[in-house]
Every structure is written in C-alpha cells, then in structure tokens.
Amino acid sequence: MSHLKGFLDERGFVYTEKHDNIKAIFFPIAYDIGHLKKFKDEGVKIIQRLDGVYYPSKHGNEYIALNRDIKEIHNNLADIVIYQSGYSKAQCEIMLGKLADTENHVILNGTDKTIFYPSTHIKKEPGEIRLITTGNFRNPDMIEPVVKALNLLIDQFPFRLVTLGNISNERIRHLYQAPYIDRVDNVEKGRLADELRKSDIFIYSHLNPPCPNSVIEAVSCGIPVVGFKSGAMEELLYFNKELLAYVSDETIQEYKDFDEHKLAEKILLAVNEFAYFKQKALENSHLYSFEETGNRYLTIFNEVMKKERATSRWCSLPGIG
C-alpha cells in the first residue's frame, strides 16, 4: 500500500481521507461496516483489496469471527474486489465464497526497479555460498524449515545464511542461534537490495503466502529463489518451478506438510546447477515492476472516476492517505 501511495502521489492522483462528498473509496482488507453500509446507501463505489484471509488450520476457531467483516464486504458491499494474486483469489473463494456478478481483478505486487535491479555475476566462483532470506519473521514457518534444511546440508558445501528483517515473535528467536546465520535487522530498501545482489541464492519459507514482496524483490535482483510450492509461489516463480519443494495438493496447506528434507534437496539443486538457475533468474528479473502494478490500479480508479466525473472525490481507507 505504501508503494501504491507513492505511485499515486507521483502522478498527482487526488484523494482524501475525509468522508464528505466522496464518490468512491478504496481500502485494504476491511473497514468499518457501519460506514460502508452508509456509503453503499449513498451510491459510493466500494473497492476492496484482498491478500490472504483467515483459515482454521492457522487461526483455529477464531477464523470465522476474524473473517466476518471481510466476508460481508466481499460478498455484499464491494463493487470491485482486487486480489493480490490468483492464489489469493482461490483462497478467498474457499473461505469467503465465490463472487457472482461483482467486478474483480488480480493485480500482482510489484517493486521499484530503480532500487531492485539484478546482480550481474552469472558463474559462482568456488567457495562459500551466500544464502539469504528476508521478511518480517513472525511465525515458525518463516524460518524453522530453513534452519532444519540447512542443518541437513552442513557437510555438503560451505555456506552462510543472511536473515534480513525483524523478529516479531520472541518464540522463534532461538532458531537464529545456528552458527551459520548472520542476522541483520530491518534496513532501508537500498541496503536490502544491495544485500540481495551480493547473495547467491534466496530461500523463502512461508505457509500459504498470498503474494510475498520478499520473493518479488529477490526476483527483481536476479537471484535464484528456492522455497516451498505453497500459496502464490508457483504463480510468481513459473519460470523457476524446479526449485520449489512439494507440500500437498491442497489450496490451503498445513505447516505439518512442510518437509525440510524436500527443501534441502531443492537448495542442493540450486547450488549444483547454479549457473543454469542464475541465468534463468536474470532472464526473468524484469518481472513485477511496480510501474505495471500501479498503472493497473490507476486504470481501475480512473474508470470509476469517469463514471462519477461531475463530483468525483476519493476517500482511501486506511492504507493510503
């Protein structure tokens, strides 16, 4: 959402956080139902953007309550729904229900190509392999399988793992004590991109990711991505599917099916066939520009504005404003 705000600001797109005289609103995930029903009665166009939703295997019995407002908006209030990925749409259809007549779009995330551009070295010189994983590490599925997989590979080849991002769950902090880990807290985007370009292989572990920015940034920096075939990973890495470890045939998978042995096999494949996968990564590093992402949002917004041209004002809630 911060990327989108910057994109709209650069292009002089006018919006407001105020509720007066608005003709359309746009927000991520959910907003106050009372306000939205009032807007609906007034003919205000409602645009909801969704990534993932809550499901029982991860959120227990609370998933119904957690999804309640999201579902009400998705099924009954939204005039337009934008999904972060095809996987996001599939997950929402399972948990919220399929839309009948509501206009909907899939718009993948993108990144700033002036910051996230590819590294150029293709042939890995003999020596230590520099692995990297990035993100806001909040759940065991984001780091535990990586550590377990690398523990299986300690005697296979020399490596270091850079973990870049905050640990927001103290219960997983002990996993970072592995002797091969170099931990770096959050850094500004330029430093993050530099760290990616200096690395040989990106490893990503996340259960049912809707459209992970970490992966998009790694793709843009032209490094091979190894991970699990979960969530939107196969959709984003269609050119690199050989490096995705099988989990299950379910759309919404369970963490118990993440197998570190399968992940270790894919890491070893990326190391042994590095030149091939590096070349594939470089050939596809042009993908996922935020210029394309932002223009697709802008097209939708402008189409709504055309219909409401006479008195059009925008209210963006709450991720933009």
Protein backbone atom coordinates (compact mmCIF):
# COMPACT_ATOMS: atom_id res chain seq x y z
CA MET A 1 0.00 0.00 0.00
CA SER A 2 2.88 2.39 0.68
CA HIS A 3 4.21 1.65 -2.84
CA LEU A 4 0.79 2.49 -4.27
CA LYS A 5 0.51 5.72 -2.28
CA GLY A 6 3.89 6.84 -3.62
CA PHE A 7 2.89 5.90 -7.16
CA LEU A 8 -0.37 7.87 -6.98
CA ASP A 9 1.33 10.87 -5.39
CA GLU A 10 3.95 10.98 -8.15
CA ARG A 11 1.19 11.09 -10.75
CA GLY A 12 -0.83 13.75 -8.98
CA PHE A 13 -3.80 11.49 -8.29
CA VAL A 14 -6.07 13.36 -5.87
CA TYR A 15 -7.60 11.52 -2.91
CA THR A 16 -8.77 12.36 0.60
CA GLU A 17 -9.19 10.66 3.96
CA LYS A 18 -12.33 12.65 4.69
CA HIS A 19 -15.78 11.14 4.25
CA ASP A 20 -17.61 14.19 2.90
CA ASN A 21 -18.88 14.21 -0.70
CA ILE A 22 -16.95 11.11 -1.73
CA LYS A 23 -17.91 9.03 -4.77
CA ALA A 24 -15.56 6.08 -4.28
CA ILE A 25 -13.46 4.53 -1.53
CA PHE A 26 -10.53 2.11 -1.64
CA PHE A 27 -9.04 0.19 1.29
CA PRO A 28 -7.07 -2.97 2.06
CA ILE A 29 -8.92 -5.95 3.53
CA ALA A 30 -11.70 -4.40 5.67
CA TYR A 31 -13.14 -1.21 7.09
CA ASP A 32 -15.91 -0.18 9.48
CA ILE A 33 -19.06 -1.96 8.30
CA GLY A 34 -21.36 0.81 9.53
CA HIS A 35 -19.53 3.40 7.45
CA LEU A 36 -19.50 1.15 4.40
CA LYS A 37 -23.23 0.42 4.56
CA LYS A 38 -23.90 4.15 4.79
CA PHE A 39 -21.63 4.75 1.79
CA LYS A 40 -23.39 1.97 -0.13
CA ASP A 41 -26.78 3.57 0.50
CA GLU A 42 -25.38 6.87 -0.80
CA GLY A 43 -24.15 5.25 -4.02
CA VAL A 44 -20.45 5.41 -3.14
CA LYS A 45 -18.39 2.85 -5.08
CA ILE A 46 -16.57 0.46 -2.73
CA ILE A 47 -13.25 -1.06 -3.81
CA GLN A 48 -11.77 -3.76 -1.56
CA ARG A 49 -8.23 -5.10 -1.97
CA LEU A 50 -7.55 -8.56 -0.53
CA ASP A 51 -4.44 -10.65 0.02
CA GLY A 52 -4.96 -13.66 2.29
CA VAL A 53 -7.74 -14.37 4.76
CA TYR A 54 -8.03 -16.34 8.00
CA TYR A 55 -8.40 -20.13 7.96
CA PRO A 56 -8.83 -22.79 10.67
CA SER A 57 -5.53 -24.67 10.35
CA LYS A 58 -3.61 -21.50 11.22
CA HIS A 59 -6.08 -19.39 13.19
CA GLY A 60 -8.20 -22.02 14.96
CA ASN A 61 -11.87 -21.49 15.71
CA GLU A 62 -11.41 -17.72 15.65
CA TYR A 63 -11.20 -17.71 11.85
CA ILE A 64 -14.98 -17.24 11.46
CA ALA A 65 -15.06 -14.11 13.62
CA LEU A 66 -11.85 -12.80 12.07
CA ASN A 67 -13.29 -13.19 8.57
CA ARG A 68 -16.75 -11.82 9.41
CA ASP A 69 -16.33 -8.21 8.27
CA ILE A 70 -14.05 -9.18 5.36
CA LYS A 71 -16.68 -11.64 4.14
CA GLU A 72 -19.56 -9.17 4.49
CA ILE A 73 -17.70 -6.62 2.40
CA HIS A 74 -16.51 -9.18 -0.17
CA ASN A 75 -19.91 -10.80 -0.67
CA ASN A 76 -22.39 -7.95 -0.15
CA LEU A 77 -20.84 -4.48 -0.16
CA ALA A 78 -17.90 -4.27 -2.57
CA ASP A 79 -18.48 -3.04 -6.11
CA ILE A 80 -14.95 -4.05 -7.13
CA VAL A 81 -12.62 -6.58 -5.48
CA ILE A 82 -8.90 -6.65 -6.25
CA TYR A 83 -6.95 -9.78 -5.31
CA GLN A 84 -3.17 -9.75 -4.83
CA SER A 85 -2.73 -12.95 -6.85
CA GLY A 86 -4.58 -15.80 -8.47
CA TYR A 87 -3.80 -17.79 -5.33
CA SER A 88 -5.26 -15.03 -3.17
CA LYS A 89 -8.46 -15.21 -5.20
CA ALA A 90 -8.62 -19.01 -4.84
CA GLN A 91 -8.10 -18.80 -1.08
CA CYS A 92 -10.76 -16.10 -0.73
CA GLU A 93 -13.23 -18.12 -2.79
CA ILE A 94 -12.78 -21.07 -0.44
CA MET A 95 -13.08 -19.10 2.79
CA LEU A 96 -15.47 -16.31 1.76
CA GLY A 97 -17.36 -17.70 -1.23
CA LYS A 98 -17.21 -17.09 -4.97
CA LEU A 99 -18.37 -13.77 -6.36
CA ALA A 100 -21.26 -13.98 -8.79
CA ASP A 101 -21.51 -10.61 -10.56
CA THR A 102 -19.06 -8.38 -8.68
CA GLU A 103 -16.27 -6.93 -10.84
CA ASN A 104 -12.94 -8.39 -9.73
CA HIS A 105 -9.29 -8.25 -10.79
CA VAL A 106 -5.99 -9.96 -9.99
CA ILE A 107 -3.12 -7.47 -9.65
CA LEU A 108 0.22 -8.88 -8.56
CA ASN A 109 2.50 -6.85 -6.31
CA GLY A 110 5.48 -5.09 -7.84
CA THR A 111 8.60 -3.29 -6.76
CA ASP A 112 10.70 -0.26 -7.63
CA LYS A 113 13.05 -1.32 -10.40
CA THR A 114 15.34 1.66 -9.81
CA ILE A 115 16.20 0.09 -6.43
CA PHE A 116 15.65 -3.62 -7.03
CA TYR A 117 17.59 -4.40 -10.20
CA PRO A 118 19.61 -7.52 -11.00
CA SER A 119 23.08 -8.51 -9.98
CA THR A 120 25.26 -9.41 -12.96
CA HIS A 121 27.54 -12.25 -11.88
CA ILE A 122 26.43 -15.49 -13.52
CA LYS A 123 29.11 -18.01 -12.68
CA LYS A 124 29.55 -18.76 -8.98
CA GLU A 125 33.20 -18.92 -8.10
CA PRO A 126 34.29 -21.83 -5.90
CA GLY A 127 33.93 -21.10 -2.21
CA GLU A 128 31.31 -20.25 0.33
CA ILE A 129 27.72 -19.90 -0.88
CA ARG A 130 25.92 -16.80 0.38
CA LEU A 131 22.27 -17.61 1.09
CA ILE A 132 19.71 -15.00 2.12
CA THR A 133 16.13 -14.81 3.37
CA THR A 134 14.21 -11.62 4.13
CA GLY A 135 10.95 -10.59 5.75
CA ASN A 136 9.20 -9.77 8.98
CA PHE A 137 9.83 -13.05 10.80
CA ARG A 138 6.66 -13.60 12.80
CA ASN A 139 5.84 -17.32 12.55
CA PRO A 140 7.85 -20.57 12.79
CA ASP A 141 7.04 -21.45 9.15
CA MET A 142 9.16 -18.48 8.04
CA ILE A 143 12.48 -19.70 9.49
CA GLU A 144 12.25 -23.13 11.15
CA PRO A 145 12.14 -25.19 7.89
CA VAL A 146 15.09 -23.19 6.52
CA VAL A 147 17.23 -23.90 9.57
CA LYS A 148 16.24 -27.57 9.61
CA ALA A 149 17.03 -27.91 5.90
CA LEU A 150 20.41 -26.21 6.23
CA ASN A 151 21.30 -28.37 9.22
CA LEU A 152 20.97 -31.32 6.85
CA LEU A 153 23.40 -29.67 4.41
CA ILE A 154 26.19 -28.54 6.74
CA ASP A 155 28.58 -31.20 5.42
CA GLN A 156 27.52 -30.81 1.77
CA PHE A 157 29.02 -27.39 0.90
CA PRO A 158 30.28 -24.25 2.72
CA PHE A 159 27.62 -21.56 3.22
CA ARG A 160 26.41 -18.62 5.28
CA LEU A 161 22.78 -17.56 5.67
CA VAL A 162 21.89 -13.88 5.98
CA THR A 163 18.49 -13.29 7.61
CA LEU A 164 17.39 -9.73 6.97
CA GLY A 165 14.38 -8.38 8.86
CA ASN A 166 12.91 -8.02 12.31
CA ILE A 167 11.98 -10.94 14.54
CA SER A 168 8.49 -10.04 15.74
CA ASN A 169 7.88 -13.33 17.57
CA GLU A 170 10.18 -14.00 20.51
CA ARG A 171 9.28 -17.69 20.47
CA ILE A 172 11.28 -18.21 17.28
CA ARG A 173 14.36 -16.18 18.27
CA HIS A 174 16.27 -19.31 19.37
CA LEU A 175 16.26 -20.56 15.78
CA TYR A 176 18.65 -17.77 14.82
CA GLN A 177 21.41 -19.19 17.02
CA ALA A 178 22.61 -21.54 14.27
CA PRO A 179 26.35 -20.91 13.76
CA TYR A 180 25.99 -20.22 10.02
CA ILE A 181 23.44 -17.37 10.44
CA ASP A 182 24.31 -13.70 10.11
CA ARG A 183 21.28 -11.75 11.33
CA VAL A 184 20.56 -8.21 10.15
CA ASP A 185 17.61 -6.14 11.40
CA ASN A 186 15.43 -4.14 9.05
CA VAL A 187 17.33 -1.78 6.75
CA GLU A 188 16.30 0.80 4.17
CA LYS A 189 15.38 -0.51 0.73
CA GLY A 190 18.65 0.39 -0.95
CA ARG A 191 20.66 -1.65 1.56
CA LEU A 192 18.17 -4.52 1.29
CA ALA A 193 18.59 -4.58 -2.49
CA ASP A 194 22.38 -4.49 -2.15
CA GLU A 195 22.29 -7.45 0.25
CA LEU A 196 20.16 -9.39 -2.23
CA ARG A 197 22.51 -8.64 -5.13
CA LYS A 198 25.52 -9.75 -3.07
CA SER A 199 23.84 -13.10 -2.38
CA ASP A 200 23.84 -16.26 -4.47
CA ILE A 201 20.52 -17.91 -3.59
CA PHE A 202 17.34 -16.66 -1.94
CA ILE A 203 15.47 -19.08 0.35
CA TYR A 204 11.84 -18.41 1.20
CA SER A 205 9.63 -20.35 3.58
CA HIS A 206 6.10 -19.21 4.31
CA LEU A 207 2.83 -21.09 4.64
CA ASN A 208 0.24 -20.08 2.01
CA PRO A 209 1.80 -16.70 1.07
CA PRO A 210 -0.67 -14.56 -0.95
CA CYS A 211 1.92 -12.55 -2.93
CA PRO A 212 5.18 -12.15 -0.99
CA ASN A 213 7.09 -8.92 -1.59
CA SER A 214 10.29 -10.61 -0.40
CA VAL A 215 10.13 -13.01 -3.33
CA ILE A 216 9.29 -10.26 -5.81
CA GLU A 217 12.30 -8.26 -4.60
CA ALA A 218 14.58 -11.29 -4.95
CA VAL A 219 13.28 -11.97 -8.47
CA SER A 220 13.93 -8.33 -9.39
CA CYS A 221 17.52 -8.65 -8.11
CA GLY A 222 18.09 -11.63 -10.41
CA ILE A 223 18.92 -14.34 -7.88
CA PRO A 224 17.52 -17.90 -7.88
CA VAL A 225 14.68 -18.45 -5.41
CA VAL A 226 14.27 -21.72 -3.51
CA GLY A 227 11.16 -22.39 -1.45
CA PHE A 228 8.04 -24.46 -0.93
CA LYS A 229 5.30 -24.89 -3.54
CA SER A 230 2.82 -23.06 -1.32
CA GLY A 231 0.49 -20.12 -1.83
CA ALA A 232 1.43 -17.91 -4.79
CA MET A 233 4.98 -19.25 -5.09
CA GLU A 234 4.39 -21.35 -8.22
CA GLU A 235 2.40 -18.48 -9.75
CA LEU A 236 5.23 -15.99 -9.20
CA LEU A 237 8.06 -18.42 -9.99
CA TYR A 238 6.53 -20.14 -13.01
CA PHE A 239 9.95 -19.90 -14.71
CA ASN A 240 11.70 -21.48 -11.73
CA LYS A 241 9.32 -24.20 -10.54
CA GLU A 242 12.08 -26.81 -10.31
CA LEU A 243 13.31 -25.09 -7.14
CA LEU A 244 10.01 -25.36 -5.27
CA ALA A 245 9.58 -28.23 -2.81
CA TYR A 246 6.28 -30.12 -2.98
CA VAL A 247 3.96 -29.66 0.02
CA SER A 248 0.48 -31.02 -0.81
CA ASP A 249 -2.30 -30.69 -3.38
CA GLU A 250 -4.46 -28.58 -1.05
CA THR A 251 -5.09 -24.92 -1.85
CA ILE A 252 -4.83 -24.02 1.83
CA GLN A 253 -1.96 -26.12 3.14
CA GLU A 254 -0.88 -27.03 6.66
CA TYR A 255 2.50 -26.42 8.24
CA LYS A 256 2.88 -30.07 9.20
CA ASP A 257 3.35 -30.82 5.49
CA PHE A 258 6.45 -28.62 5.17
CA ASP A 259 9.26 -31.17 4.81
CA GLU A 260 12.78 -29.85 5.44
CA HIS A 261 14.27 -32.80 3.55
CA LYS A 262 12.47 -31.74 0.37
CA LEU A 263 13.59 -28.15 0.89
CA ALA A 264 17.18 -29.30 1.41
CA GLU A 265 17.02 -31.18 -1.91
CA LYS A 266 15.96 -28.00 -3.72
CA ILE A 267 18.70 -25.93 -2.07
CA LEU A 268 21.27 -28.53 -3.15
CA LEU A 269 19.85 -28.50 -6.68
CA ALA A 270 20.22 -24.70 -6.85
CA VAL A 271 23.83 -24.96 -5.67
CA ASN A 272 24.83 -27.77 -8.00
CA GLU A 273 23.14 -26.19 -11.05
CA PHE A 274 23.83 -22.60 -10.04
CA ALA A 275 24.86 -21.27 -13.48
CA TYR A 276 21.64 -22.56 -15.07
CA PHE A 277 19.31 -21.18 -12.40
CA LYS A 278 21.21 -17.90 -12.18
CA GLN A 279 20.75 -17.38 -15.91
CA LYS A 280 17.02 -18.14 -15.62
CA ALA A 281 16.77 -15.66 -12.74
CA LEU A 282 18.46 -12.92 -14.75
CA GLU A 283 16.26 -13.56 -17.78
CA ASN A 284 13.15 -13.02 -15.65
CA SER A 285 14.36 -10.19 -13.43
CA HIS A 286 12.26 -7.72 -15.47
CA LEU A 287 9.07 -9.17 -13.99
CA TYR A 288 6.96 -7.46 -11.33
CA SER A 289 7.65 -3.78 -11.89
CA PHE A 290 5.53 -1.55 -9.71
CA GLU A 291 5.07 0.69 -12.74
CA GLU A 292 2.86 -2.03 -14.21
CA THR A 293 1.17 -2.76 -10.88
CA GLY A 294 0.41 0.91 -10.21
CA ASN A 295 -0.88 1.52 -13.72
CA ARG A 296 -3.36 -1.32 -13.37
CA TYR A 297 -4.74 0.19 -10.14
CA LEU A 298 -4.81 3.61 -11.77
CA THR A 299 -6.77 2.25 -14.75
CA ILE A 300 -9.43 0.89 -12.41
CA PHE A 301 -9.58 4.10 -10.38
CA ASN A 302 -9.81 6.27 -13.49
CA GLU A 303 -12.58 4.09 -14.91
CA VAL A 304 -14.59 4.63 -11.73
CA MET A 305 -13.83 8.35 -11.87
CA LYS A 306 -15.07 8.60 -15.46
CA LYS A 307 -18.47 7.40 -14.34
CA GLU A 308 -18.53 9.88 -11.46
CA ARG A 309 -16.69 12.74 -13.19
CA ALA A 310 -19.02 15.56 -12.22
CA THR A 311 -18.49 15.40 -8.44
CA SER A 312 -15.78 12.79 -8.03
CA ARG A 313 -13.68 12.80 -4.86
CA TRP A 314 -11.84 9.83 -3.47
CA CYS A 315 -11.61 8.51 0.04
CA SER A 316 -8.82 5.99 0.62
CA LEU A 317 -9.01 3.97 3.82
CA PRO A 318 -6.77 3.40 5.71
CA GLY A 319 -3.66 2.25 3.85
CA ILE A 320 -3.49 5.29 1.59
CA GLY A 321 -3.82 8.86 2.77
